[in-house]
Amino acid sequence: MVGDIAEMGGLKIGYDIGLNGRPPVNVARIAQSLSWYREQRIAGRTVICGKNKDAKTWVVALPGAGFYAEVRTPEEMADLLLTALTFEDGEKRPKR
């Protein structure tokens, strides 16, 4: 599923979620397309946060989904990160 989450006059977050027979998002492949990124395990998932080669678009990728936006302010970065990190793919993970 591909689409956008948009706020009128504000941040537009694009997403690509591997549902409905589509292959899941390949986090390693996304990392190769970035000019800069950091990778960390968060709540049992490998998460990548980085900047696209166009130097404007930030990407947050985790197993099953990728989120991206042209971030202009720290508040927009927070919105992108919170949107991506609260994504639930339905997989069971151990409780911490």
N, C-alpha and C. Protein backbone atom coordinates (compact mmCIF):
# COMPACT_ATOMS: atom_id res chain seq x y z
N MET A 1 0.85 -1.15 0.00
CA MET A 1 0.00 0.00 0.00
C MET A 1 0.91 1.23 0.00
N VAL A 2 0.65 2.13 -0.90
CA VAL A 2 1.43 3.35 -1.03
C VAL A 2 0.46 4.52 -0.88
N GLY A 3 0.87 5.54 -0.15
CA GLY A 3 -0.01 6.70 0.01
C GLY A 3 0.68 7.82 0.75
N ASP A 4 -0.13 8.79 1.18
CA ASP A 4 0.37 9.97 1.88
C ASP A 4 -0.49 10.23 3.10
N ILE A 5 0.15 10.78 4.12
CA ILE A 5 -0.53 11.32 5.29
C ILE A 5 -0.20 12.80 5.25
N ALA A 6 -1.21 13.64 5.12
CA ALA A 6 -0.93 15.06 4.93
C ALA A 6 -1.73 15.91 5.91
N GLU A 7 -1.11 17.00 6.31
CA GLU A 7 -1.73 18.00 7.15
C GLU A 7 -1.87 19.25 6.28
N MET A 8 -3.06 19.84 6.22
CA MET A 8 -3.26 20.99 5.36
C MET A 8 -2.24 22.07 5.68
N GLY A 9 -1.46 22.46 4.68
CA GLY A 9 -0.45 23.49 4.84
C GLY A 9 0.76 23.04 5.64
N GLY A 10 0.85 21.75 5.90
CA GLY A 10 1.95 21.26 6.72
C GLY A 10 2.68 20.10 6.08
N LEU A 11 3.20 19.26 6.92
CA LEU A 11 4.02 18.14 6.51
C LEU A 11 3.20 17.10 5.74
N LYS A 12 3.80 16.57 4.68
CA LYS A 12 3.20 15.49 3.90
C LYS A 12 4.14 14.30 4.02
N ILE A 13 3.67 13.23 4.66
CA ILE A 13 4.46 12.02 4.86
C ILE A 13 4.00 10.96 3.88
N GLY A 14 4.92 10.51 3.04
CA GLY A 14 4.62 9.42 2.14
C GLY A 14 4.93 8.11 2.82
N TYR A 15 4.24 7.06 2.43
CA TYR A 15 4.53 5.75 3.01
C TYR A 15 4.40 4.66 1.96
N ASP A 16 5.11 3.57 2.22
CA ASP A 16 5.06 2.37 1.39
C ASP A 16 5.03 1.20 2.35
N ILE A 17 3.89 0.53 2.41
CA ILE A 17 3.70 -0.58 3.34
C ILE A 17 3.47 -1.84 2.53
N GLY A 18 4.24 -2.88 2.81
CA GLY A 18 4.12 -4.14 2.07
C GLY A 18 2.90 -4.94 2.48
N LEU A 19 1.73 -4.57 1.96
CA LEU A 19 0.48 -5.27 2.24
C LEU A 19 -0.15 -5.73 0.94
N ASN A 20 -1.18 -6.54 1.06
CA ASN A 20 -1.97 -6.97 -0.09
C ASN A 20 -1.13 -7.63 -1.17
N GLY A 21 -0.25 -8.54 -0.77
CA GLY A 21 0.55 -9.27 -1.74
C GLY A 21 1.81 -8.57 -2.21
N ARG A 22 2.01 -7.30 -1.81
CA ARG A 22 3.24 -6.58 -2.18
C ARG A 22 4.37 -7.09 -1.31
N PRO A 23 5.58 -7.12 -1.83
CA PRO A 23 6.69 -7.56 -0.99
C PRO A 23 6.94 -6.56 0.12
N PRO A 24 7.43 -7.03 1.29
CA PRO A 24 7.72 -6.09 2.37
C PRO A 24 8.86 -5.16 2.00
N VAL A 25 8.89 -4.01 2.62
CA VAL A 25 9.94 -3.04 2.39
C VAL A 25 11.27 -3.66 2.81
N ASN A 26 12.29 -3.53 1.95
CA ASN A 26 13.61 -4.08 2.21
C ASN A 26 14.47 -2.98 2.83
N VAL A 27 14.66 -3.06 4.15
CA VAL A 27 15.37 -2.01 4.88
C VAL A 27 16.80 -1.86 4.38
N ALA A 28 17.50 -2.96 4.11
CA ALA A 28 18.89 -2.90 3.64
C ALA A 28 18.97 -2.20 2.29
N ARG A 29 18.01 -2.46 1.40
CA ARG A 29 18.02 -1.82 0.08
C ARG A 29 17.78 -0.32 0.21
N ILE A 30 16.89 0.07 1.11
CA ILE A 30 16.64 1.49 1.32
C ILE A 30 17.90 2.17 1.84
N ALA A 31 18.61 1.53 2.76
CA ALA A 31 19.83 2.11 3.33
C ALA A 31 20.85 2.41 2.23
N GLN A 32 20.94 1.55 1.23
CA GLN A 32 21.90 1.76 0.13
C GLN A 32 21.56 2.99 -0.71
N SER A 33 20.29 3.41 -0.71
CA SER A 33 19.88 4.55 -1.53
C SER A 33 20.03 5.88 -0.79
N LEU A 34 20.49 5.85 0.45
CA LEU A 34 20.60 7.06 1.25
C LEU A 34 22.01 7.61 1.24
N SER A 35 22.13 8.94 1.33
CA SER A 35 23.45 9.55 1.40
C SER A 35 24.00 9.50 2.82
N TRP A 36 23.13 9.41 3.80
CA TRP A 36 23.52 9.34 5.20
C TRP A 36 22.42 8.62 5.96
N TYR A 37 22.78 7.74 6.90
CA TYR A 37 21.76 7.10 7.73
C TYR A 37 22.36 6.54 9.01
N ARG A 38 21.48 6.30 9.96
CA ARG A 38 21.81 5.59 11.18
C ARG A 38 20.84 4.43 11.32
N GLU A 39 21.34 3.33 11.85
CA GLU A 39 20.53 2.13 12.04
C GLU A 39 20.54 1.77 13.52
N GLN A 40 19.37 1.40 14.04
CA GLN A 40 19.28 1.01 15.44
C GLN A 40 18.12 0.04 15.63
N ARG A 41 18.27 -0.85 16.59
CA ARG A 41 17.16 -1.75 16.93
C ARG A 41 16.30 -1.04 17.98
N ILE A 42 15.02 -0.93 17.67
CA ILE A 42 14.06 -0.30 18.57
C ILE A 42 12.88 -1.26 18.71
N ALA A 43 12.59 -1.64 19.93
CA ALA A 43 11.47 -2.55 20.22
C ALA A 43 11.53 -3.81 19.35
N GLY A 44 12.73 -4.36 19.19
CA GLY A 44 12.88 -5.61 18.45
C GLY A 44 12.90 -5.47 16.94
N ARG A 45 12.90 -4.25 16.43
CA ARG A 45 12.92 -4.03 14.98
C ARG A 45 14.14 -3.21 14.59
N THR A 46 14.71 -3.53 13.43
CA THR A 46 15.79 -2.71 12.90
C THR A 46 15.17 -1.51 12.22
N VAL A 47 15.56 -0.32 12.66
CA VAL A 47 15.01 0.93 12.14
C VAL A 47 16.14 1.73 11.53
N ILE A 48 15.91 2.27 10.34
CA ILE A 48 16.88 3.13 9.68
C ILE A 48 16.27 4.53 9.56
N CYS A 49 17.04 5.52 9.93
CA CYS A 49 16.65 6.92 9.75
C CYS A 49 17.76 7.58 8.96
N GLY A 50 17.43 8.18 7.84
CA GLY A 50 18.48 8.77 7.03
C GLY A 50 17.97 9.83 6.08
N LYS A 51 18.92 10.40 5.36
CA LYS A 51 18.63 11.45 4.39
C LYS A 51 18.82 10.90 2.99
N ASN A 52 17.85 11.15 2.14
CA ASN A 52 17.90 10.69 0.76
C ASN A 52 18.98 11.46 0.00
N LYS A 53 19.40 10.94 -1.13
CA LYS A 53 20.47 11.58 -1.91
C LYS A 53 20.09 12.95 -2.45
N ASP A 54 18.78 13.28 -2.47
CA ASP A 54 18.38 14.61 -2.92
C ASP A 54 18.65 15.67 -1.84
N ALA A 55 19.11 15.23 -0.66
CA ALA A 55 19.49 16.10 0.47
C ALA A 55 18.31 16.86 1.07
N LYS A 56 17.08 16.55 0.66
CA LYS A 56 15.91 17.21 1.22
C LYS A 56 15.00 16.22 1.95
N THR A 57 14.96 15.00 1.48
CA THR A 57 14.00 14.04 1.98
C THR A 57 14.60 13.14 3.05
N TRP A 58 13.93 13.08 4.19
CA TRP A 58 14.32 12.17 5.26
C TRP A 58 13.49 10.90 5.14
N VAL A 59 14.11 9.78 5.45
CA VAL A 59 13.47 8.47 5.32
C VAL A 59 13.58 7.74 6.65
N VAL A 60 12.49 7.11 7.05
CA VAL A 60 12.51 6.21 8.20
C VAL A 60 11.96 4.88 7.70
N ALA A 61 12.78 3.85 7.81
CA ALA A 61 12.38 2.53 7.31
C ALA A 61 12.48 1.51 8.43
N LEU A 62 11.51 0.63 8.48
CA LEU A 62 11.52 -0.47 9.40
C LEU A 62 10.93 -1.67 8.69
N PRO A 63 11.12 -2.88 9.21
CA PRO A 63 10.60 -4.04 8.50
C PRO A 63 9.11 -3.87 8.20
N GLY A 64 8.77 -3.96 6.94
CA GLY A 64 7.38 -3.87 6.52
C GLY A 64 6.91 -2.50 6.07
N ALA A 65 7.68 -1.44 6.32
CA ALA A 65 7.19 -0.12 5.95
C ALA A 65 8.32 0.89 5.80
N GLY A 66 8.09 1.86 4.93
CA GLY A 66 9.00 2.98 4.76
C GLY A 66 8.20 4.27 4.79
N PHE A 67 8.70 5.29 5.45
CA PHE A 67 8.05 6.59 5.54
C PHE A 67 9.06 7.65 5.11
N TYR A 68 8.60 8.68 4.41
CA TYR A 68 9.52 9.69 3.91
C TYR A 68 8.81 11.04 3.82
N ALA A 69 9.59 12.12 3.98
CA ALA A 69 9.02 13.47 3.93
C ALA A 69 10.14 14.48 3.74
N GLU A 70 9.79 15.61 3.14
CA GLU A 70 10.70 16.75 3.09
C GLU A 70 10.50 17.52 4.38
N VAL A 71 11.44 17.36 5.30
CA VAL A 71 11.33 17.92 6.64
C VAL A 71 11.99 19.30 6.68
N ARG A 72 11.25 20.30 7.17
CA ARG A 72 11.76 21.67 7.21
C ARG A 72 12.04 22.17 8.63
N THR A 73 11.43 21.55 9.63
CA THR A 73 11.58 22.03 11.00
C THR A 73 11.78 20.85 11.96
N PRO A 74 12.28 21.10 13.15
CA PRO A 74 12.40 20.02 14.14
C PRO A 74 11.03 19.40 14.48
N GLU A 75 9.98 20.22 14.47
CA GLU A 75 8.64 19.70 14.76
C GLU A 75 8.20 18.71 13.68
N GLU A 76 8.52 19.01 12.42
CA GLU A 76 8.18 18.08 11.34
C GLU A 76 8.98 16.79 11.46
N MET A 77 10.24 16.88 11.88
CA MET A 77 11.04 15.68 12.09
C MET A 77 10.40 14.81 13.18
N ALA A 78 9.96 15.44 14.26
CA ALA A 78 9.29 14.71 15.33
C ALA A 78 8.05 14.01 14.80
N ASP A 79 7.25 14.71 13.97
CA ASP A 79 6.05 14.11 13.40
C ASP A 79 6.39 12.90 12.53
N LEU A 80 7.42 13.01 11.71
CA LEU A 80 7.83 11.88 10.85
C LEU A 80 8.26 10.70 11.71
N LEU A 81 9.11 10.94 12.69
CA LEU A 81 9.60 9.85 13.54
C LEU A 81 8.47 9.20 14.33
N LEU A 82 7.59 10.00 14.91
CA LEU A 82 6.49 9.43 15.68
C LEU A 82 5.53 8.64 14.81
N THR A 83 5.28 9.12 13.60
CA THR A 83 4.42 8.39 12.67
C THR A 83 5.03 7.04 12.33
N ALA A 84 6.30 7.04 11.98
CA ALA A 84 6.97 5.80 11.58
C ALA A 84 7.12 4.83 12.74
N LEU A 85 7.55 5.33 13.88
CA LEU A 85 7.86 4.44 14.99
C LEU A 85 6.63 3.87 15.68
N THR A 86 5.46 4.45 15.43
CA THR A 86 4.24 3.88 16.00
C THR A 86 3.54 2.94 15.03
N PHE A 87 4.13 2.72 13.85
CA PHE A 87 3.56 1.78 12.88
C PHE A 87 3.60 0.37 13.46
N GLU A 88 2.49 -0.33 13.39
CA GLU A 88 2.41 -1.72 13.84
C GLU A 88 2.16 -2.61 12.64
N ASP A 89 3.03 -3.58 12.44
CA ASP A 89 2.89 -4.49 11.30
C ASP A 89 2.17 -5.78 11.65
N GLY A 90 1.75 -5.92 12.90
CA GLY A 90 1.00 -7.11 13.30
C GLY A 90 1.87 -8.24 13.81
N GLU A 91 3.20 -8.12 13.72
CA GLU A 91 4.07 -9.17 14.22
C GLU A 91 4.12 -9.13 15.74
N LYS A 92 4.16 -10.33 16.35
CA LYS A 92 4.30 -10.42 17.80
C LYS A 92 5.76 -10.24 18.17
N ARG A 93 6.01 -9.39 19.15
CA ARG A 93 7.37 -9.15 19.63
C ARG A 93 7.41 -9.39 21.13
N PRO A 94 8.56 -9.78 21.65
CA PRO A 94 8.64 -9.98 23.09
C PRO A 94 8.42 -8.68 23.83
N LYS A 95 7.72 -8.77 24.96
CA LYS A 95 7.51 -7.57 25.79
C LYS A 95 8.79 -7.24 26.51
N ARG A 96 9.04 -5.96 26.69
CA ARG A 96 10.26 -5.52 27.38
C ARG A 96 9.95 -5.08 28.78
